[in-house]
Amino acid sequence: MKTWALRAAGWLAMFVGISLMTRIFYTLVDWFPVVRDLVNIGLKAFAFCVATSLSLLTISVGWLFYRPLWALLLGLLSVVPIVIAKSRVPPKKQQ
């Protein structure tokens, strides 16, 4: 239980750190109330996805030698948000 508490604390620290780093974008649009709220939601979602992916990747690297199948599963799970984001980007138009 202690290791899972440490993993959760690591995820929380990563989430807070990424949120604080992206806070500059929130400050830039602070003048526009509607845009400010939308940017805030987007930045929190971004911080959540990146913190979750990086935490799962870190945990999978730690488990690589002891539980390789779980490590592979967690490594693949950490790539899911990136794959989803890439699939939603519209293709570039050919000129």
Protein backbone atom coordinates (compact mmCIF):
# COMPACT_ATOMS: atom_id res chain seq x y z
CA MET A 1 0.00 0.00 0.00
CA LYS A 2 2.89 2.32 0.69
CA THR A 3 4.21 2.01 -2.86
CA TRP A 4 0.78 2.80 -4.33
CA ALA A 5 0.53 5.83 -2.04
CA LEU A 6 3.94 6.96 -3.29
CA ARG A 7 2.86 6.43 -6.90
CA ALA A 8 -0.29 8.47 -6.30
CA ALA A 9 1.74 11.21 -4.63
CA GLY A 10 4.14 11.19 -7.60
CA TRP A 11 1.23 11.53 -10.02
CA LEU A 12 -0.20 14.40 -7.97
CA ALA A 13 3.16 16.16 -7.87
CA MET A 14 3.51 15.75 -11.64
CA PHE A 15 -0.03 17.03 -12.23
CA VAL A 16 0.55 20.09 -10.05
CA GLY A 17 3.91 20.77 -11.70
CA ILE A 18 2.52 20.57 -15.23
CA SER A 19 -0.47 22.70 -14.21
CA LEU A 20 1.84 25.36 -12.82
CA MET A 21 4.03 25.32 -15.94
CA THR A 22 1.04 25.82 -18.23
CA ARG A 23 -0.43 28.55 -16.02
CA ILE A 24 1.25 31.20 -18.20
CA PHE A 25 -1.28 30.50 -20.97
CA TYR A 26 -4.12 31.07 -18.52
CA THR A 27 -2.53 34.36 -17.50
CA LEU A 28 -2.23 35.47 -21.13
CA VAL A 29 -5.99 35.12 -21.76
CA ASP A 30 -7.06 36.42 -18.36
CA TRP A 31 -8.66 39.47 -19.99
CA PHE A 32 -11.36 37.45 -21.78
CA PRO A 33 -13.71 35.68 -19.32
CA VAL A 34 -15.18 33.08 -21.71
CA VAL A 35 -11.85 32.25 -23.31
CA ARG A 36 -10.21 32.15 -19.88
CA ASP A 37 -12.61 29.45 -18.68
CA LEU A 38 -12.19 27.37 -21.82
CA VAL A 39 -8.40 27.62 -21.68
CA ASN A 40 -8.47 26.65 -18.00
CA ILE A 41 -10.48 23.50 -18.75
CA GLY A 42 -8.19 22.61 -21.65
CA LEU A 43 -5.03 23.12 -19.62
CA LYS A 44 -6.33 20.97 -16.77
CA ALA A 45 -7.23 18.20 -19.22
CA PHE A 46 -3.80 18.49 -20.83
CA ALA A 47 -2.05 18.33 -17.44
CA PHE A 48 -4.16 15.33 -16.43
CA CYS A 49 -3.37 13.39 -19.61
CA VAL A 50 0.34 14.16 -19.60
CA ALA A 51 0.73 13.42 -15.88
CA THR A 52 -1.14 10.15 -16.23
CA SER A 53 0.87 9.06 -19.27
CA LEU A 54 4.23 9.94 -17.76
CA SER A 55 3.36 8.34 -14.43
CA LEU A 56 2.26 5.11 -16.09
CA LEU A 57 5.40 5.10 -18.21
CA THR A 58 7.58 5.61 -15.13
CA ILE A 59 5.80 2.80 -13.26
CA SER A 60 6.16 0.48 -16.25
CA VAL A 61 9.90 1.12 -16.47
CA GLY A 62 10.17 0.29 -12.77
CA TRP A 63 8.33 -2.99 -13.28
CA LEU A 64 10.20 -3.97 -16.42
CA PHE A 65 12.46 -6.61 -14.81
CA TYR A 66 10.08 -7.91 -12.14
CA ARG A 67 6.77 -8.00 -14.02
CA PRO A 68 7.49 -7.60 -17.73
CA LEU A 69 3.95 -8.37 -18.90
CA TRP A 70 2.43 -5.75 -16.59
CA ALA A 71 5.17 -3.33 -17.60
CA LEU A 72 4.33 -3.83 -21.27
CA LEU A 73 0.62 -3.40 -20.55
CA LEU A 74 1.20 -0.17 -18.60
CA GLY A 75 3.60 1.11 -21.26
CA LEU A 76 0.99 0.57 -23.95
CA LEU A 77 -1.68 2.13 -21.75
CA SER A 78 0.47 5.22 -21.30
CA VAL A 79 0.56 5.74 -25.08
CA VAL A 80 -3.25 5.68 -25.48
CA PRO A 81 -3.82 9.45 -24.90
CA ILE A 82 -1.15 10.26 -27.50
CA VAL A 83 -2.73 7.92 -30.05
CA ILE A 84 -6.19 9.38 -29.41
CA ALA A 85 -4.87 12.93 -29.77
CA LYS A 86 -3.08 12.05 -33.02
CA SER A 87 -6.21 10.42 -34.46
CA ARG A 88 -8.31 13.55 -33.82
CA VAL A 89 -5.96 15.90 -35.66
CA PRO A 90 -7.36 16.59 -39.14
CA PRO A 91 -5.04 15.66 -42.01
CA LYS A 92 -3.19 18.46 -43.79
CA LYS A 93 -4.53 19.56 -47.16
CA GLN A 94 -2.36 18.89 -50.19
CA GLN A 95 -1.44 22.02 -52.07
